[in-house]
């Protein structure tokens, strides 16, 4: 598959779902500590999201890195916008910035306002 075809798949995914996490494993069974950490943050905030297991698709695994120009997985997208990887998501969660971003984008959470 060409890079543009992979990018089209990624664009469809992130534009069709409010919150998408490109991760190793699944939300229920993360297969790396960093993916597990981001899944835990999202679960704590009560966010409904789609997990995309990059281990099941080598083209997506490399393509998502090229798409975001970000070398690592996991990668979190909210309303089509790249938010960051594990460290950034954790820092944003601790500061309250992630809950605010989700609220501002109209993504429902169970986090206290």
PDB file of N, CA and C in Angstrom:
ATOM      1  N   UNK A   1       0.847  -1.176   0.000  1.00  0.00           N
ATOM      2  CA  UNK A   1       0.000   0.000   0.000  1.00  0.00           C
ATOM      3  C   UNK A   1       0.897   1.245   0.000  1.00  0.00           C
ATOM      4  N   UNK A   2       0.506   2.247  -0.745  1.00  0.00           N
ATOM      5  CA  UNK A   2       1.312   3.466  -0.833  1.00  0.00           C
ATOM      6  C   UNK A   2       1.160   4.290   0.447  1.00  0.00           C
ATOM      7  N   UNK A   3       2.123   5.186   0.662  1.00  0.00           N
ATOM      8  CA  UNK A   3       2.056   6.048   1.834  1.00  0.00           C
ATOM      9  C   UNK A   3       0.769   6.863   1.823  1.00  0.00           C
ATOM     10  N   UNK A   4       0.383   7.374   0.657  1.00  0.00           N
ATOM     11  CA  UNK A   4      -0.833   8.191   0.609  1.00  0.00           C
ATOM     12  C   UNK A   4      -2.075   7.360   0.955  1.00  0.00           C
ATOM     13  N   UNK A   5      -2.099   6.095   0.570  1.00  0.00           N
ATOM     14  CA  UNK A   5      -3.231   5.227   0.913  1.00  0.00           C
ATOM     15  C   UNK A   5      -3.270   4.976   2.423  1.00  0.00           C
ATOM     16  N   UNK A   6      -2.105   4.784   3.038  1.00  0.00           N
ATOM     17  CA  UNK A   6      -2.044   4.602   4.490  1.00  0.00           C
ATOM     18  C   UNK A   6      -2.497   5.885   5.189  1.00  0.00           C
ATOM     19  N   UNK A   7      -2.005   7.030   4.708  1.00  0.00           N
ATOM     20  CA  UNK A   7      -2.407   8.319   5.290  1.00  0.00           C
ATOM     21  C   UNK A   7      -3.911   8.525   5.149  1.00  0.00           C
ATOM     22  N   UNK A   8      -4.497   8.126   4.015  1.00  0.00           N
ATOM     23  CA  UNK A   8      -5.949   8.242   3.822  1.00  0.00           C
ATOM     24  C   UNK A   8      -6.696   7.401   4.857  1.00  0.00           C
ATOM     25  N   UNK A   9      -6.198   6.186   5.115  1.00  0.00           N
ATOM     26  CA  UNK A   9      -6.817   5.319   6.130  1.00  0.00           C
ATOM     27  C   UNK A   9      -6.756   5.986   7.499  1.00  0.00           C
ATOM     28  N   UNK A  10      -5.602   6.562   7.820  1.00  0.00           N
ATOM     29  CA  UNK A  10      -5.434   7.229   9.116  1.00  0.00           C
ATOM     30  C   UNK A  10      -6.367   8.432   9.205  1.00  0.00           C
ATOM     31  N   UNK A  11      -6.414   9.237   8.146  1.00  0.00           N
ATOM     32  CA  UNK A  11      -7.302  10.417   8.141  1.00  0.00           C
ATOM     33  C   UNK A  11      -8.758  10.006   8.334  1.00  0.00           C
ATOM     34  N   UNK A  12      -9.173   8.932   7.645  1.00  0.00           N
ATOM     35  CA  UNK A  12     -10.551   8.445   7.802  1.00  0.00           C
ATOM     36  C   UNK A  12     -10.815   8.051   9.253  1.00  0.00           C
ATOM     37  N   UNK A  13      -9.854   7.360   9.832  1.00  0.00           N
ATOM     38  CA  UNK A  13      -9.983   6.869  11.206  1.00  0.00           C
ATOM     39  C   UNK A  13     -10.115   8.027  12.189  1.00  0.00           C
ATOM     40  N   UNK A  14      -9.206   8.992  12.104  1.00  0.00           N
ATOM     41  CA  UNK A  14      -9.188  10.070  13.105  1.00  0.00           C
ATOM     42  C   UNK A  14     -10.278  11.115  12.864  1.00  0.00           C
ATOM     43  N   UNK A  15     -10.803  11.183  11.644  1.00  0.00           N
ATOM     44  CA  UNK A  15     -11.897  12.126  11.405  1.00  0.00           C
ATOM     45  C   UNK A  15     -13.252  11.485  11.693  1.00  0.00           C
ATOM     46  N   UNK A  16     -13.308  10.160  11.679  1.00  0.00           N
ATOM     47  CA  UNK A  16     -14.578   9.471  11.888  1.00  0.00           C
ATOM     48  C   UNK A  16     -14.866   9.113  13.335  1.00  0.00           C
ATOM     49  N   UNK A  17     -13.883   9.284  14.212  1.00  0.00           N
ATOM     50  CA  UNK A  17     -14.026   8.928  15.623  1.00  0.00           C
ATOM     51  C   UNK A  17     -13.434  10.067  16.457  1.00  0.00           C
ATOM     52  N   UNK A  18     -14.142  10.483  17.500  1.00  0.00           N
ATOM     53  CA  UNK A  18     -13.689  11.627  18.306  1.00  0.00           C
ATOM     54  C   UNK A  18     -12.310  11.416  18.920  1.00  0.00           C
ATOM     55  N   UNK A  19     -12.093  10.235  19.509  1.00  0.00           N
ATOM     56  CA  UNK A  19     -10.824   9.963  20.194  1.00  0.00           C
ATOM     57  C   UNK A  19     -10.284   8.629  19.691  1.00  0.00           C
ATOM     58  N   UNK A  20      -9.068   8.680  19.158  1.00  0.00           N
ATOM     59  CA  UNK A  20      -8.424   7.470  18.624  1.00  0.00           C
ATOM     60  C   UNK A  20      -7.044   7.355  19.261  1.00  0.00           C
ATOM     61  N   UNK A  21      -6.735   6.156  19.739  1.00  0.00           N
ATOM     62  CA  UNK A  21      -5.420   5.877  20.296  1.00  0.00           C
ATOM     63  C   UNK A  21      -4.753   4.797  19.461  1.00  0.00           C
ATOM     64  N   UNK A  22      -3.678   5.183  18.778  1.00  0.00           N
ATOM     65  CA  UNK A  22      -2.857   4.202  18.067  1.00  0.00           C
ATOM     66  C   UNK A  22      -1.925   3.621  19.115  1.00  0.00           C
ATOM     67  N   UNK A  23      -2.028   2.314  19.324  1.00  0.00           N
ATOM     68  CA  UNK A  23      -1.350   1.694  20.457  1.00  0.00           C
ATOM     69  C   UNK A  23      -0.863   0.294  20.112  1.00  0.00           C
ATOM     70  N   UNK A  24      -0.026  -0.229  20.976  1.00  0.00           N
ATOM     71  CA  UNK A  24       0.397  -1.623  20.861  1.00  0.00           C
ATOM     72  C   UNK A  24      -0.547  -2.429  21.741  1.00  0.00           C
ATOM     73  N   UNK A  25      -1.334  -3.296  21.100  1.00  0.00           N
ATOM     74  CA  UNK A  25      -2.349  -4.058  21.809  1.00  0.00           C
ATOM     75  C   UNK A  25      -3.697  -3.383  21.668  1.00  0.00           C
ATOM     76  N   UNK A  26      -4.591  -3.717  22.589  1.00  0.00           N
ATOM     77  CA  UNK A  26      -5.953  -3.179  22.562  1.00  0.00           C
ATOM     78  C   UNK A  26      -6.230  -2.475  23.891  1.00  0.00           C
ATOM     79  N   UNK A  27      -7.310  -1.680  23.947  1.00  0.00           N
ATOM     80  CA  UNK A  27      -7.628  -1.007  25.210  1.00  0.00           C
ATOM     81  C   UNK A  27      -7.759  -1.986  26.388  1.00  0.00           C
ATOM     82  N   UNK A  28      -8.306  -3.149  26.143  1.00  0.00           N
ATOM     83  CA  UNK A  28      -8.466  -4.136  27.217  1.00  0.00           C
ATOM     84  C   UNK A  28      -7.162  -4.889  27.516  1.00  0.00           C
ATOM     85  N   UNK A  29      -6.316  -5.037  26.482  1.00  0.00           N
ATOM     86  CA  UNK A  29      -5.074  -5.787  26.640  1.00  0.00           C
ATOM     87  C   UNK A  29      -3.900  -5.059  26.000  1.00  0.00           C
ATOM     88  N   UNK A  30      -3.490  -3.944  26.592  1.00  0.00           N
ATOM     89  CA  UNK A  30      -2.334  -3.228  26.043  1.00  0.00           C
ATOM     90  C   UNK A  30      -1.104  -4.128  26.083  1.00  0.00           C
ATOM     91  N   UNK A  31      -0.243  -4.000  25.080  1.00  0.00           N
ATOM     92  CA  UNK A  31       0.923  -4.867  24.992  1.00  0.00           C
ATOM     93  C   UNK A  31       2.240  -4.118  25.172  1.00  0.00           C
ATOM     94  N   UNK A  32       2.169  -2.916  25.734  1.00  0.00           N
ATOM     95  CA  UNK A  32       3.385  -2.231  26.164  1.00  0.00           C
ATOM     96  C   UNK A  32       2.995  -1.276  27.279  1.00  0.00           C
ATOM     97  N   UNK A  33       3.944  -0.959  28.124  1.00  0.00           N
ATOM     98  CA  UNK A  33       3.663  -0.114  29.283  1.00  0.00           C
ATOM     99  C   UNK A  33       3.184   1.275  28.918  1.00  0.00           C
ATOM    100  N   UNK A  34       3.732   1.828  27.831  1.00  0.00           N
ATOM    101  CA  UNK A  34       3.339   3.185  27.430  1.00  0.00           C
ATOM    102  C   UNK A  34       1.896   3.205  26.938  1.00  0.00           C
ATOM    103  N   UNK A  35       1.532   2.200  26.133  1.00  0.00           N
ATOM    104  CA  UNK A  35       0.142   2.106  25.667  1.00  0.00           C
ATOM    105  C   UNK A  35      -0.794   1.906  26.853  1.00  0.00           C
ATOM    106  N   UNK A  36      -0.382   1.072  27.801  1.00  0.00           N
ATOM    107  CA  UNK A  36      -1.196   0.819  28.996  1.00  0.00           C
ATOM    108  C   UNK A  36      -1.395   2.100  29.796  1.00  0.00           C
ATOM    109  N   UNK A  37      -0.346   2.914  29.900  1.00  0.00           N
ATOM    110  CA  UNK A  37      -0.430   4.161  30.668  1.00  0.00           C
ATOM    111  C   UNK A  37      -1.445   5.120  30.049  1.00  0.00           C
ATOM    112  N   UNK A  38      -1.422   5.263  28.727  1.00  0.00           N
ATOM    113  CA  UNK A  38      -2.364   6.179  28.073  1.00  0.00           C
ATOM    114  C   UNK A  38      -3.787   5.617  28.171  1.00  0.00           C
ATOM    115  N   UNK A  39      -3.945   4.316  27.993  1.00  0.00           N
ATOM    116  CA  UNK A  39      -5.267   3.694  28.127  1.00  0.00           C
ATOM    117  C   UNK A  39      -5.813   3.924  29.536  1.00  0.00           C
ATOM    118  N   UNK A  40      -4.929   3.863  30.529  1.00  0.00           N
ATOM    119  CA  UNK A  40      -5.330   4.081  31.919  1.00  0.00           C
ATOM    120  C   UNK A  40      -5.782   5.529  32.141  1.00  0.00           C
ATOM    121  N   UNK A  41      -5.066   6.479  31.563  1.00  0.00           N
ATOM    122  CA  UNK A  41      -5.451   7.899  31.666  1.00  0.00           C
ATOM    123  C   UNK A  41      -6.844   8.097  31.066  1.00  0.00           C
ATOM    124  N   UNK A  42      -7.062   7.535  29.869  1.00  0.00           N
ATOM    125  CA  UNK A  42      -8.360   7.703  29.203  1.00  0.00           C
ATOM    126  C   UNK A  42      -9.473   7.031  30.005  1.00  0.00           C
ATOM    127  N   UNK A  43      -9.181   5.861  30.571  1.00  0.00           N
ATOM    128  CA  UNK A  43     -10.177   5.171  31.398  1.00  0.00           C
ATOM    129  C   UNK A  43     -10.498   5.998  32.640  1.00  0.00           C
ATOM    130  N   UNK A  44      -9.479   6.583  33.242  1.00  0.00           N
ATOM    131  CA  UNK A  44      -9.663   7.414  34.441  1.00  0.00           C
ATOM    132  C   UNK A  44     -10.558   8.623  34.131  1.00  0.00           C
ATOM    133  N   UNK A  45     -10.401   9.181  32.937  1.00  0.00           N
ATOM    134  CA  UNK A  45     -11.216  10.327  32.527  1.00  0.00           C
ATOM    135  C   UNK A  45     -12.602   9.896  32.036  1.00  0.00           C
ATOM    136  N   UNK A  46     -12.784   8.595  31.857  1.00  0.00           N
ATOM    137  CA  UNK A  46     -14.071   8.101  31.393  1.00  0.00           C
ATOM    138  C   UNK A  46     -14.346   8.423  29.938  1.00  0.00           C
ATOM    139  N   UNK A  47     -13.287   8.438  29.127  1.00  0.00           N
ATOM    140  CA  UNK A  47     -13.410   8.790  27.711  1.00  0.00           C
ATOM    141  C   UNK A  47     -13.671   7.527  26.891  1.00  0.00           C
ATOM    142  N   UNK A  48     -14.645   7.603  26.010  1.00  0.00           N
ATOM    143  CA  UNK A  48     -14.867   6.537  25.045  1.00  0.00           C
ATOM    144  C   UNK A  48     -13.917   6.789  23.884  1.00  0.00           C
ATOM    145  N   UNK A  49     -13.156   5.771  23.513  1.00  0.00           N
ATOM    146  CA  UNK A  49     -12.193   5.943  22.429  1.00  0.00           C
ATOM    147  C   UNK A  49     -12.028   4.652  21.656  1.00  0.00           C
ATOM    148  N   UNK A  50     -11.430   4.802  20.493  1.00  0.00           N
ATOM    149  CA  UNK A  50     -11.137   3.639  19.661  1.00  0.00           C
ATOM    150  C   UNK A  50      -9.641   3.370  19.736  1.00  0.00           C
ATOM    151  N   UNK A  51      -9.285   2.159  20.073  1.00  0.00           N
ATOM    152  CA  UNK A  51      -7.889   1.750  20.063  1.00  0.00           C
ATOM    153  C   UNK A  51      -7.573   1.074  18.744  1.00  0.00           C
ATOM    154  N   UNK A  52      -6.476   1.469  18.119  1.00  0.00           N
ATOM    155  CA  UNK A  52      -6.017   0.839  16.885  1.00  0.00           C
ATOM    156  C   UNK A  52      -4.717   0.113  17.215  1.00  0.00           C
ATOM    157  N   UNK A  53      -4.747  -1.210  17.082  1.00  0.00           N
ATOM    158  CA  UNK A  53      -3.587  -2.036  17.415  1.00  0.00           C
ATOM    159  C   UNK A  53      -2.600  -2.027  16.254  1.00  0.00           C
ATOM    160  N   UNK A  54      -1.499  -1.306  16.427  1.00  0.00           N
ATOM    161  CA  UNK A  54      -0.516  -1.197  15.339  1.00  0.00           C
ATOM    162  C   UNK A  54       0.253  -2.500  15.137  1.00  0.00           C
ATOM    163  N   UNK A  55       0.197  -3.398  16.108  1.00  0.00           N
ATOM    164  CA  UNK A  55       0.908  -4.672  15.968  1.00  0.00           C
ATOM    165  C   UNK A  55       0.231  -5.577  14.936  1.00  0.00           C
ATOM    166  N   UNK A  56      -1.033  -5.285  14.634  1.00  0.00           N
ATOM    167  CA  UNK A  56      -1.776  -6.094  13.671  1.00  0.00           C
ATOM    168  C   UNK A  56      -1.599  -5.615  12.237  1.00  0.00           C
ATOM    169  N   UNK A  57      -0.968  -4.450  12.044  1.00  0.00           N
ATOM    170  CA  UNK A  57      -0.864  -3.881  10.706  1.00  0.00           C
ATOM    171  C   UNK A  57       0.437  -3.093  10.581  1.00  0.00           C
ATOM    172  N   UNK A  58       1.431  -3.694   9.949  1.00  0.00           N
ATOM    173  CA  UNK A  58       2.749  -3.078   9.830  1.00  0.00           C
ATOM    174  C   UNK A  58       2.694  -1.746   9.086  1.00  0.00           C
ATOM    175  N   UNK A  59       1.822  -1.642   8.085  1.00  0.00           N
ATOM    176  CA  UNK A  59       1.724  -0.382   7.330  1.00  0.00           C
ATOM    177  C   UNK A  59       1.221   0.759   8.213  1.00  0.00           C
ATOM    178  N   UNK A  60       0.248   0.460   9.056  1.00  0.00           N
ATOM    179  CA  UNK A  60      -0.254   1.475   9.982  1.00  0.00           C
ATOM    180  C   UNK A  60       0.804   1.762  11.051  1.00  0.00           C
ATOM    181  N   UNK A  61       1.496   0.727  11.497  1.00  0.00           N
ATOM    182  CA  UNK A  61       2.518   0.903  12.537  1.00  0.00           C
ATOM    183  C   UNK A  61       3.577   1.914  12.098  1.00  0.00           C
ATOM    184  N   UNK A  62       4.044   1.796  10.874  1.00  0.00           N
ATOM    185  CA  UNK A  62       5.024   2.758  10.366  1.00  0.00           C
ATOM    186  C   UNK A  62       4.329   4.028   9.879  1.00  0.00           C
ATOM    187  N   UNK A  63       3.184   3.866   9.250  1.00  0.00           N
ATOM    188  CA  UNK A  63       2.475   4.999   8.657  1.00  0.00           C
ATOM    189  C   UNK A  63       2.077   6.046   9.669  1.00  0.00           C
ATOM    190  N   UNK A  64       1.660   5.613  10.875  1.00  0.00           N
ATOM    191  CA  UNK A  64       1.227   6.588  11.872  1.00  0.00           C
ATOM    192  C   UNK A  64       2.404   7.429  12.353  1.00  0.00           C
ATOM    193  N   UNK A  65       3.581   6.821  12.401  1.00  0.00           N
ATOM    194  CA  UNK A  65       4.789   7.572  12.794  1.00  0.00           C
ATOM    195  C   UNK A  65       5.110   8.636  11.749  1.00  0.00           C
ATOM    196  N   UNK A  66       4.997   8.267  10.486  1.00  0.00           N
ATOM    197  CA  UNK A  66       5.262   9.215   9.400  1.00  0.00           C
ATOM    198  C   UNK A  66       4.175  10.293   9.337  1.00  0.00           C
ATOM    199  N   UNK A  67       2.932   9.876   9.552  1.00  0.00           N
ATOM    200  CA  UNK A  67       1.786  10.791   9.466  1.00  0.00           C
ATOM    201  C   UNK A  67       1.940  11.941  10.460  1.00  0.00           C
ATOM    202  N   UNK A  68       2.279  11.606  11.696  1.00  0.00           N
ATOM    203  CA  UNK A  68       2.375  12.622  12.746  1.00  0.00           C
ATOM    204  C   UNK A  68       3.782  13.199  12.859  1.00  0.00           C
ATOM    205  N   UNK A  69       4.722  12.597  12.122  1.00  0.00           N
ATOM    206  CA  UNK A  69       6.127  12.963  12.274  1.00  0.00           C
ATOM    207  C   UNK A  69       6.517  12.830  13.752  1.00  0.00           C
ATOM    208  N   UNK A  70       6.072  11.723  14.329  1.00  0.00           N
ATOM    209  CA  UNK A  70       6.300  11.426  15.754  1.00  0.00           C
ATOM    210  C   UNK A  70       6.824   9.994  15.815  1.00  0.00           C
ATOM    211  N   UNK A  71       7.982   9.761  16.422  1.00  0.00           N
ATOM    212  CA  UNK A  71       8.655   8.472  16.270  1.00  0.00           C
ATOM    213  C   UNK A  71       8.121   7.321  17.113  1.00  0.00           C
ATOM    214  N   UNK A  72       7.244   7.607  18.066  1.00  0.00           N
ATOM    215  CA  UNK A  72       6.854   6.544  18.992  1.00  0.00           C
ATOM    216  C   UNK A  72       5.357   6.296  19.012  1.00  0.00           C
ATOM    217  N   UNK A  73       5.010   5.148  19.552  1.00  0.00           N
ATOM    218  CA  UNK A  73       3.629   4.730  19.764  1.00  0.00           C
ATOM    219  C   UNK A  73       3.533   4.468  21.260  1.00  0.00           C
ATOM    220  N   UNK A  74       2.482   4.874  21.935  1.00  0.00           N
ATOM    221  CA  UNK A  74       1.169   5.269  21.433  1.00  0.00           C
ATOM    222  C   UNK A  74       1.106   6.720  20.948  1.00  0.00           C
ATOM    223  N   UNK A  75       0.048   6.975  20.178  1.00  0.00           N
ATOM    224  CA  UNK A  75      -0.267   8.323  19.710  1.00  0.00           C
ATOM    225  C   UNK A  75      -1.759   8.555  19.917  1.00  0.00           C
ATOM    226  N   UNK A  76      -2.081   9.674  20.552  1.00  0.00           N
ATOM    227  CA  UNK A  76      -3.469  10.011  20.840  1.00  0.00           C
ATOM    228  C   UNK A  76      -3.945  11.132  19.921  1.00  0.00           C
ATOM    229  N   UNK A  77      -5.117  10.928  19.345  1.00  0.00           N
ATOM    230  CA  UNK A  77      -5.760  11.931  18.491  1.00  0.00           C
ATOM    231  C   UNK A  77      -7.122  12.265  19.080  1.00  0.00           C
ATOM    232  N   UNK A  78      -7.434  13.563  19.131  1.00  0.00           N
ATOM    233  CA  UNK A  78      -8.742  14.026  19.588  1.00  0.00           C
ATOM    234  C   UNK A  78      -9.318  14.916  18.492  1.00  0.00           C
ATOM    235  N   UNK A  79     -10.488  14.523  17.999  1.00  0.00           N
ATOM    236  CA  UNK A  79     -11.168  15.269  16.924  1.00  0.00           C
ATOM    237  C   UNK A  79     -10.222  15.527  15.748  1.00  0.00           C
ATOM    238  N   UNK A  80      -9.455  14.505  15.381  1.00  0.00           N
ATOM    239  CA  UNK A  80      -8.578  14.596  14.215  1.00  0.00           C
ATOM    240  C   UNK A  80      -7.247  15.275  14.475  1.00  0.00           C
ATOM    241  N   UNK A  81      -7.020  15.744  15.693  1.00  0.00           N
ATOM    242  CA  UNK A  81      -5.806  16.487  16.006  1.00  0.00           C
ATOM    243  C   UNK A  81      -4.866  15.632  16.863  1.00  0.00           C
ATOM    244  N   UNK A  82      -3.599  15.588  16.469  1.00  0.00           N
ATOM    245  CA  UNK A  82      -2.596  14.849  17.228  1.00  0.00           C
ATOM    246  C   UNK A  82      -2.356  15.552  18.561  1.00  0.00           C
ATOM    247  N   UNK A  83      -2.513  14.808  19.654  1.00  0.00           N
ATOM    248  CA  UNK A  83      -2.301  15.372  20.990  1.00  0.00           C
ATOM    249  C   UNK A  83      -0.886  15.078  21.464  1.00  0.00           C
ATOM    250  N   UNK A  84      -0.455  13.809  21.337  1.00  0.00           N
ATOM    251  CA  UNK A  84       0.893  13.464  21.761  1.00  0.00           C
ATOM    252  C   UNK A  84       1.011  11.999  22.112  1.00  0.00           C
ATOM    253  N   UNK A  85       2.169  11.670  22.648  1.00  0.00           N
ATOM    254  CA  UNK A  85       2.458  10.312  23.088  1.00  0.00           C
ATOM    255  C   UNK A  85       2.274  10.189  24.588  1.00  0.00           C
ATOM    256  N   UNK A  86       2.831   9.140  25.143  1.00  0.00           N
ATOM    257  CA  UNK A  86       2.613   8.792  26.544  1.00  0.00           C
ATOM    258  C   UNK A  86       2.993   9.918  27.507  1.00  0.00           C
ATOM    259  N   UNK A  87       4.200  10.439  27.414  1.00  0.00           N
ATOM    260  CA  UNK A  87       4.656  11.452  28.375  1.00  0.00           C
ATOM    261  C   UNK A  87       3.786  12.710  28.311  1.00  0.00           C
ATOM    262  N   UNK A  88       3.493  13.150  27.099  1.00  0.00           N
ATOM    263  CA  UNK A  88       2.673  14.355  26.931  1.00  0.00           C
ATOM    264  C   UNK A  88       1.264  14.129  27.485  1.00  0.00           C
ATOM    265  N   UNK A  89       0.674  12.982  27.185  1.00  0.00           N
ATOM    266  CA  UNK A  89      -0.681  12.688  27.658  1.00  0.00           C
ATOM    267  C   UNK A  89      -0.697  12.625  29.183  1.00  0.00           C
ATOM    268  N   UNK A  90       0.312  11.984  29.773  1.00  0.00           N
ATOM    269  CA  UNK A  90       0.384  11.903  31.244  1.00  0.00           C
ATOM    270  C   UNK A  90       0.516  13.295  31.877  1.00  0.00           C
ATOM    271  N   UNK A  91       1.407  14.113  31.311  1.00  0.00           N
ATOM    272  CA  UNK A  91       1.598  15.474  31.841  1.00  0.00           C
ATOM    273  C   UNK A  91       0.316  16.290  31.708  1.00  0.00           C
ATOM    274  N   UNK A  92      -0.347  16.172  30.561  1.00  0.00           N
ATOM    275  CA  UNK A  92      -1.593  16.914  30.347  1.00  0.00           C
ATOM    276  C   UNK A  92      -2.680  16.436  31.308  1.00  0.00           C
ATOM    277  N   UNK A  93      -2.713  15.135  31.577  1.00  0.00           N
ATOM    278  CA  UNK A  93      -3.714  14.587  32.499  1.00  0.00           C
ATOM    279  C   UNK A  93      -3.465  15.114  33.912  1.00  0.00           C
ATOM    280  N   UNK A  94      -2.193  15.119  34.341  1.00  0.00           N
ATOM    281  CA  UNK A  94      -1.853  15.575  35.690  1.00  0.00           C
ATOM    282  C   UNK A  94      -2.166  17.054  35.889  1.00  0.00           C
ATOM    283  N   UNK A  95      -1.981  17.861  34.859  1.00  0.00           N
ATOM    284  CA  UNK A  95      -2.203  19.303  34.973  1.00  0.00           C
ATOM    285  C   UNK A  95      -3.672  19.690  34.780  1.00  0.00           C
ATOM    286  N   UNK A  96      -4.489  18.738  34.322  1.00  0.00           N
ATOM    287  CA  UNK A  96      -5.890  19.042  34.032  1.00  0.00           C
ATOM    288  C   UNK A  96      -6.098  19.521  32.596  1.00  0.00           C
ATOM    289  N   UNK A  97      -4.995  19.676  31.880  1.00  0.00           N
ATOM    290  CA  UNK A  97      -5.060  20.189  30.502  1.00  0.00           C
ATOM    291  C   UNK A  97      -5.784  19.214  29.565  1.00  0.00           C
ATOM    292  N   UNK A  98      -5.603  17.914  29.779  1.00  0.00           N
ATOM    293  CA  UNK A  98      -6.245  16.933  28.903  1.00  0.00           C
ATOM    294  C   UNK A  98      -7.760  16.962  29.081  1.00  0.00           C
ATOM    295  N   UNK A  99      -8.220  16.997  30.325  1.00  0.00           N
ATOM    296  CA  UNK A  99      -9.674  17.073  30.572  1.00  0.00           C
ATOM    297  C   UNK A  99     -10.247  18.344  29.945  1.00  0.00           C
ATOM    298  N   UNK A 100      -9.502  19.455  30.059  1.00  0.00           N
ATOM    299  CA  UNK A 100      -9.957  20.722  29.477  1.00  0.00           C
ATOM    300  C   UNK A 100     -10.014  20.630  27.956  1.00  0.00           C
ATOM    301  N   UNK A 101      -8.993  20.026  27.354  1.00  0.00           N
ATOM    302  CA  UNK A 101      -8.970  19.861  25.896  1.00  0.00           C
ATOM    303  C   UNK A 101     -10.170  19.038  25.438  1.00  0.00           C
ATOM    304  N   UNK A 102     -10.432  17.934  26.117  1.00  0.00           N
ATOM    305  CA  UNK A 102     -11.569  17.081  25.756  1.00  0.00           C
ATOM    306  C   UNK A 102     -12.874  17.859  25.893  1.00  0.00           C
ATOM    307  N   UNK A 103     -13.014  18.592  26.982  1.00  0.00           N
ATOM    308  CA  UNK A 103     -14.223  19.406  27.194  1.00  0.00           C
ATOM    309  C   UNK A 103     -14.381  20.439  26.087  1.00  0.00           C
ATOM    310  N   UNK A 104     -13.271  21.146  25.796  1.00  0.00           N
ATOM    311  CA  UNK A 104     -13.314  22.192  24.761  1.00  0.00           C
ATOM    312  C   UNK A 104     -13.692  21.623  23.394  1.00  0.00           C
ATOM    313  N   UNK A 105     -13.294  20.381  23.136  1.00  0.00           N
ATOM    314  CA  UNK A 105     -13.581  19.742  21.848  1.00  0.00           C
ATOM    315  C   UNK A 105     -14.958  19.055  21.855  1.00  0.00           C
ATOM    316  N   UNK A 106     -15.646  19.104  22.995  1.00  0.00           N
ATOM    317  CA  UNK A 106     -16.977  18.503  23.060  1.00  0.00           C
ATOM    318  C   UNK A 106     -16.980  16.998  23.217  1.00  0.00           C
ATOM    319  N   UNK A 107     -15.881  16.461  23.763  1.00  0.00           N
ATOM    320  CA  UNK A 107     -15.806  15.005  23.996  1.00  0.00           C
ATOM    321  C   UNK A 107     -16.274  14.726  25.413  1.00  0.00           C
ATOM    322  N   UNK A 108     -17.321  13.903  25.572  1.00  0.00           N
ATOM    323  CA  UNK A 108     -17.825  13.627  26.919  1.00  0.00           C
ATOM    324  C   UNK A 108     -16.821  12.825  27.757  1.00  0.00           C
ATOM    325  N   UNK A 109     -16.701  13.214  29.029  1.00  0.00           N
ATOM    326  CA  UNK A 109     -15.866  12.491  29.976  1.00  0.00           C
ATOM    327  C   UNK A 109     -16.657  12.361  31.277  1.00  0.00           C
ATOM    328  N   UNK A 110     -16.163  11.528  32.152  1.00  0.00           N
ATOM    329  CA  UNK A 110     -16.761  11.453  33.499  1.00  0.00           C
ATOM    330  C   UNK A 110     -15.877  12.182  34.494  1.00  0.00           C
ATOM    331  N   UNK A 111     -14.873  12.899  33.976  1.00  0.00           N
ATOM    332  CA  UNK A 111     -13.953  13.652  34.852  1.00  0.00           C
ATOM    333  C   UNK A 111     -14.701  14.828  35.475  1.00  0.00           C
ATOM    334  N   UNK A 112     -14.387  15.114  36.747  1.00  0.00           N
ATOM    335  CA  UNK A 112     -15.020  16.284  37.364  1.00  0.00           C
ATOM    336  C   UNK A 112     -14.596  17.565  36.670  1.00  0.00           C
ATOM    337  N   UNK A 113     -15.502  18.487  36.532  1.00  0.00           N
ATOM    338  CA  UNK A 113     -15.209  19.744  35.808  1.00  0.00           C
ATOM    339  C   UNK A 113     -14.309  20.641  36.633  1.00  0.00           C
TER     340      UNK A 113
END
